Amino acid sequence: MKPTIFATALLLMLAGCSEIPKDAEGTIDRVRQTKVLRAGVIAEGNVPHNPSLDRLVGLVAADTGSRPDIVRGSTETLLPMIERGDLDLVVGELARDTPWATRVAIMPSPEQMKSKDGDPQPVAVVRNGENAWIALIHPRAMFLTRVAK
C-alpha cells in the first residue's frame, strides 16, 4: 500500500512541474506569439561593432520563429529598458565589474568572461526572472566567450 501512495504523490508533484522553467513575465511566450524579438544593440562611441552579436540575435530569432526589431543605443538607455521589460534581449559589450550584474541576467556571466583586466566583453542581457527565456538564450550566448578579445 505504501508504494502506491508514494507513487501517486510523486505523480501529482511531477504534474505540477510540467513547465519548468517559467518566465515571471512571459517573455518567451510573448516573443513566440507576436513573432517579434525586441532587441537592443549597445552602440557606444567609437567601439567597433562585433558581428557575433548580430549572429546571436539571429539565432534567438530563428529559434523563436520571430523577426528582430532592433534598437541601437547606449548602455544607459538599453539596460533600463531590459529591466522594465521594454526589450527582450540586449547584446553588446560590458565590463566584468558592471553594476548591472545584480539587476539583469548577463550571459556569459561576469565570472565567465575571459577578460580579467576589466576590458568590455561581448554579452547577452535579459530581464531577471525570465527563466525559460534565460534557458533558451544561455547556451547560445556562451559562444561569446570564445569570440571575446
Foldseek 3Di string as FASTA:
>chain_A
DVVVVVVVVVVVVVVVVPDPPAFPVHLLVVCLVVLEAEEEEEDDDPDDDDVLQVVLVVVVSVVSNHDYDYDYYHPVPVVVCQQVVVGAKYKYWFWLPDPCLVFWPKPVHSVLAPDPPGDTFIIMIHGPRRRVSCVVRRVSGNCSNVVTD
